[in-house]
Amino acid sequence: MFGRKKPQPDPVRRDQVLRLVNLGMRETDAADMDIDGPEFRQAKDAFESALGESTSAEQHAAFDALKRHGY
């Protein structure tokens, strides 16, 4: 009621979402080629690192985009 503020939504940085989408696609492509190879591990580590630097709204936007594109 009175004095209650609505929580601010998490910010969505377009460049961060695009970075997540790019790294997610790279990880999936590397997994398709060789899931035990070093390229996959590097891509997975880069993607997980970028996820840690992202807000939850950015993560949801990136996963939605990846799902729309079949990744």
N, C-alpha and C. Protein backbone atom coordinates (compact mmCIF):
# COMPACT_ATOMS: atom_id res chain seq x y z
N MET A 1 0.83 -1.18 0.00
CA MET A 1 0.00 0.00 0.00
C MET A 1 0.88 1.25 0.00
N PHE A 2 0.79 2.00 1.09
CA PHE A 2 1.53 3.25 1.16
C PHE A 2 2.99 2.98 1.49
N GLY A 3 3.86 3.66 0.79
CA GLY A 3 5.28 3.55 1.07
C GLY A 3 5.96 2.34 0.47
N ARG A 4 5.22 1.49 -0.18
CA ARG A 4 5.84 0.33 -0.81
C ARG A 4 6.22 0.68 -2.24
N LYS A 5 7.45 0.43 -2.55
CA LYS A 5 7.91 0.67 -3.91
C LYS A 5 7.99 -0.65 -4.66
N LYS A 6 7.68 -0.56 -5.92
CA LYS A 6 7.82 -1.74 -6.75
C LYS A 6 9.31 -1.97 -7.00
N PRO A 7 9.72 -3.22 -6.98
CA PRO A 7 11.14 -3.48 -7.26
C PRO A 7 11.46 -3.11 -8.70
N GLN A 8 12.62 -2.54 -8.87
CA GLN A 8 13.06 -2.18 -10.22
C GLN A 8 13.43 -3.45 -10.99
N PRO A 9 13.02 -3.53 -12.24
CA PRO A 9 13.41 -4.71 -13.02
C PRO A 9 14.91 -4.69 -13.29
N ASP A 10 15.45 -5.88 -13.46
CA ASP A 10 16.87 -5.98 -13.77
C ASP A 10 17.15 -5.29 -15.10
N PRO A 11 18.28 -4.60 -15.21
CA PRO A 11 18.61 -3.96 -16.48
C PRO A 11 18.98 -5.01 -17.54
N VAL A 12 18.67 -4.70 -18.77
CA VAL A 12 19.01 -5.59 -19.87
C VAL A 12 19.93 -4.82 -20.81
N ARG A 13 21.19 -5.23 -20.83
CA ARG A 13 22.17 -4.63 -21.73
C ARG A 13 22.18 -5.43 -23.02
N ARG A 14 21.86 -4.76 -24.10
CA ARG A 14 21.75 -5.43 -25.39
C ARG A 14 23.06 -6.11 -25.78
N ASP A 15 24.18 -5.43 -25.56
CA ASP A 15 25.47 -6.00 -25.93
C ASP A 15 25.78 -7.26 -25.12
N GLN A 16 25.36 -7.30 -23.87
CA GLN A 16 25.60 -8.49 -23.04
C GLN A 16 24.73 -9.65 -23.51
N VAL A 17 23.49 -9.36 -23.89
CA VAL A 17 22.61 -10.42 -24.41
C VAL A 17 23.18 -10.98 -25.70
N LEU A 18 23.65 -10.12 -26.59
CA LEU A 18 24.24 -10.58 -27.85
C LEU A 18 25.50 -11.41 -27.59
N ARG A 19 26.27 -11.00 -26.60
CA ARG A 19 27.48 -11.76 -26.23
C ARG A 19 27.10 -13.15 -25.73
N LEU A 20 26.08 -13.22 -24.88
CA LEU A 20 25.62 -14.52 -24.38
C LEU A 20 25.11 -15.41 -25.51
N VAL A 21 24.37 -14.83 -26.43
CA VAL A 21 23.85 -15.60 -27.56
C VAL A 21 25.00 -16.14 -28.40
N ASN A 22 25.97 -15.29 -28.68
CA ASN A 22 27.13 -15.71 -29.48
C ASN A 22 27.90 -16.83 -28.78
N LEU A 23 28.15 -16.66 -27.48
CA LEU A 23 28.89 -17.69 -26.75
C LEU A 23 28.08 -18.98 -26.61
N GLY A 24 26.77 -18.86 -26.46
CA GLY A 24 25.92 -20.05 -26.38
C GLY A 24 25.91 -20.83 -27.69
N MET A 25 25.88 -20.12 -28.80
CA MET A 25 25.93 -20.78 -30.10
C MET A 25 27.28 -21.45 -30.30
N ARG A 26 28.34 -20.78 -29.89
CA ARG A 26 29.68 -21.34 -30.02
C ARG A 26 29.82 -22.60 -29.17
N GLU A 27 29.26 -22.57 -27.95
CA GLU A 27 29.32 -23.75 -27.08
C GLU A 27 28.57 -24.92 -27.69
N THR A 28 27.39 -24.67 -28.22
CA THR A 28 26.59 -25.74 -28.81
C THR A 28 27.28 -26.32 -30.04
N ASP A 29 27.83 -25.46 -30.87
CA ASP A 29 28.53 -25.93 -32.06
C ASP A 29 29.75 -26.78 -31.69
N ALA A 30 30.50 -26.36 -30.66
CA ALA A 30 31.66 -27.12 -30.22
C ALA A 30 31.23 -28.46 -29.64
N ALA A 31 30.10 -28.50 -28.94
CA ALA A 31 29.60 -29.76 -28.39
C ALA A 31 29.18 -30.71 -29.50
N ASP A 32 28.61 -30.15 -30.57
CA ASP A 32 28.21 -31.00 -31.70
C ASP A 32 29.41 -31.63 -32.38
N MET A 33 30.53 -30.90 -32.41
CA MET A 33 31.73 -31.44 -33.07
C MET A 33 32.44 -32.46 -32.19
N ASP A 34 32.71 -32.12 -30.93
CA ASP A 34 33.41 -33.04 -30.03
C ASP A 34 33.20 -32.58 -28.60
N ILE A 35 32.32 -33.26 -27.90
CA ILE A 35 31.96 -32.83 -26.54
C ILE A 35 33.11 -33.06 -25.55
N ASP A 36 34.06 -33.90 -25.90
CA ASP A 36 35.20 -34.14 -25.02
C ASP A 36 36.43 -33.33 -25.40
N GLY A 37 36.31 -32.51 -26.44
CA GLY A 37 37.45 -31.76 -26.92
C GLY A 37 37.71 -30.47 -26.14
N PRO A 38 38.89 -29.92 -26.31
CA PRO A 38 39.25 -28.69 -25.60
C PRO A 38 38.45 -27.47 -26.06
N GLU A 39 38.00 -27.48 -27.32
CA GLU A 39 37.21 -26.35 -27.82
C GLU A 39 35.90 -26.24 -27.05
N PHE A 40 35.29 -27.40 -26.76
CA PHE A 40 34.04 -27.39 -26.02
C PHE A 40 34.26 -26.86 -24.61
N ARG A 41 35.32 -27.31 -23.95
CA ARG A 41 35.58 -26.86 -22.58
C ARG A 41 35.83 -25.36 -22.53
N GLN A 42 36.57 -24.86 -23.51
CA GLN A 42 36.85 -23.42 -23.57
C GLN A 42 35.56 -22.63 -23.81
N ALA A 43 34.74 -23.11 -24.73
CA ALA A 43 33.49 -22.42 -25.04
C ALA A 43 32.54 -22.48 -23.84
N LYS A 44 32.49 -23.61 -23.17
CA LYS A 44 31.63 -23.75 -21.99
C LYS A 44 32.07 -22.83 -20.87
N ASP A 45 33.37 -22.77 -20.62
CA ASP A 45 33.89 -21.88 -19.58
C ASP A 45 33.61 -20.42 -19.89
N ALA A 46 33.77 -20.02 -21.16
CA ALA A 46 33.51 -18.64 -21.56
C ALA A 46 32.02 -18.30 -21.38
N PHE A 47 31.15 -19.23 -21.77
CA PHE A 47 29.71 -19.00 -21.64
C PHE A 47 29.31 -18.90 -20.17
N GLU A 48 29.81 -19.79 -19.35
CA GLU A 48 29.48 -19.76 -17.92
C GLU A 48 30.01 -18.51 -17.25
N SER A 49 31.17 -18.05 -17.66
CA SER A 49 31.74 -16.82 -17.12
C SER A 49 30.86 -15.62 -17.49
N ALA A 50 30.41 -15.59 -18.74
CA ALA A 50 29.55 -14.49 -19.18
C ALA A 50 28.20 -14.54 -18.47
N LEU A 51 27.71 -15.73 -18.18
CA LEU A 51 26.45 -15.86 -17.44
C LEU A 51 26.59 -15.26 -16.05
N GLY A 52 27.74 -15.47 -15.44
CA GLY A 52 27.97 -14.93 -14.10
C GLY A 52 28.03 -13.42 -14.07
N GLU A 53 28.35 -12.80 -15.19
CA GLU A 53 28.44 -11.35 -15.29
C GLU A 53 27.12 -10.71 -15.73
N SER A 54 26.10 -11.53 -15.93
CA SER A 54 24.83 -11.06 -16.49
C SER A 54 23.73 -11.04 -15.43
N THR A 55 22.76 -10.16 -15.65
CA THR A 55 21.59 -10.13 -14.78
C THR A 55 20.66 -11.27 -15.18
N SER A 56 19.71 -11.57 -14.33
CA SER A 56 18.78 -12.66 -14.65
C SER A 56 17.93 -12.32 -15.88
N ALA A 57 17.60 -11.06 -16.06
CA ALA A 57 16.82 -10.65 -17.23
C ALA A 57 17.64 -10.86 -18.51
N GLU A 58 18.93 -10.58 -18.45
CA GLU A 58 19.79 -10.80 -19.62
C GLU A 58 19.92 -12.28 -19.92
N GLN A 59 20.03 -13.09 -18.88
CA GLN A 59 20.12 -14.53 -19.07
C GLN A 59 18.86 -15.08 -19.72
N HIS A 60 17.69 -14.63 -19.23
CA HIS A 60 16.42 -15.09 -19.80
C HIS A 60 16.29 -14.66 -21.26
N ALA A 61 16.69 -13.44 -21.57
CA ALA A 61 16.60 -12.94 -22.95
C ALA A 61 17.51 -13.75 -23.86
N ALA A 62 18.70 -14.07 -23.39
CA ALA A 62 19.64 -14.84 -24.21
C ALA A 62 19.13 -16.26 -24.43
N PHE A 63 18.64 -16.91 -23.37
CA PHE A 63 18.14 -18.28 -23.52
C PHE A 63 16.91 -18.31 -24.42
N ASP A 64 16.05 -17.30 -24.35
CA ASP A 64 14.90 -17.23 -25.26
C ASP A 64 15.36 -17.10 -26.70
N ALA A 65 16.36 -16.26 -26.94
CA ALA A 65 16.88 -16.08 -28.30
C ALA A 65 17.52 -17.36 -28.81
N LEU A 66 18.28 -18.03 -27.96
CA LEU A 66 18.90 -19.28 -28.37
C LEU A 66 17.85 -20.34 -28.70
N LYS A 67 16.80 -20.38 -27.90
CA LYS A 67 15.75 -21.37 -28.15
C LYS A 67 15.03 -21.06 -29.47
N ARG A 68 14.79 -19.78 -29.75
CA ARG A 68 14.11 -19.39 -31.00
C ARG A 68 14.93 -19.78 -32.21
N HIS A 69 16.26 -19.76 -32.07
CA HIS A 69 17.14 -20.07 -33.20
C HIS A 69 17.55 -21.54 -33.25
N GLY A 70 16.96 -22.35 -32.38
CA GLY A 70 17.19 -23.79 -32.45
C GLY A 70 18.43 -24.25 -31.72
N TYR A 71 18.95 -23.46 -30.80
CA TYR A 71 20.14 -23.87 -30.06
C TYR A 71 19.80 -24.37 -28.70
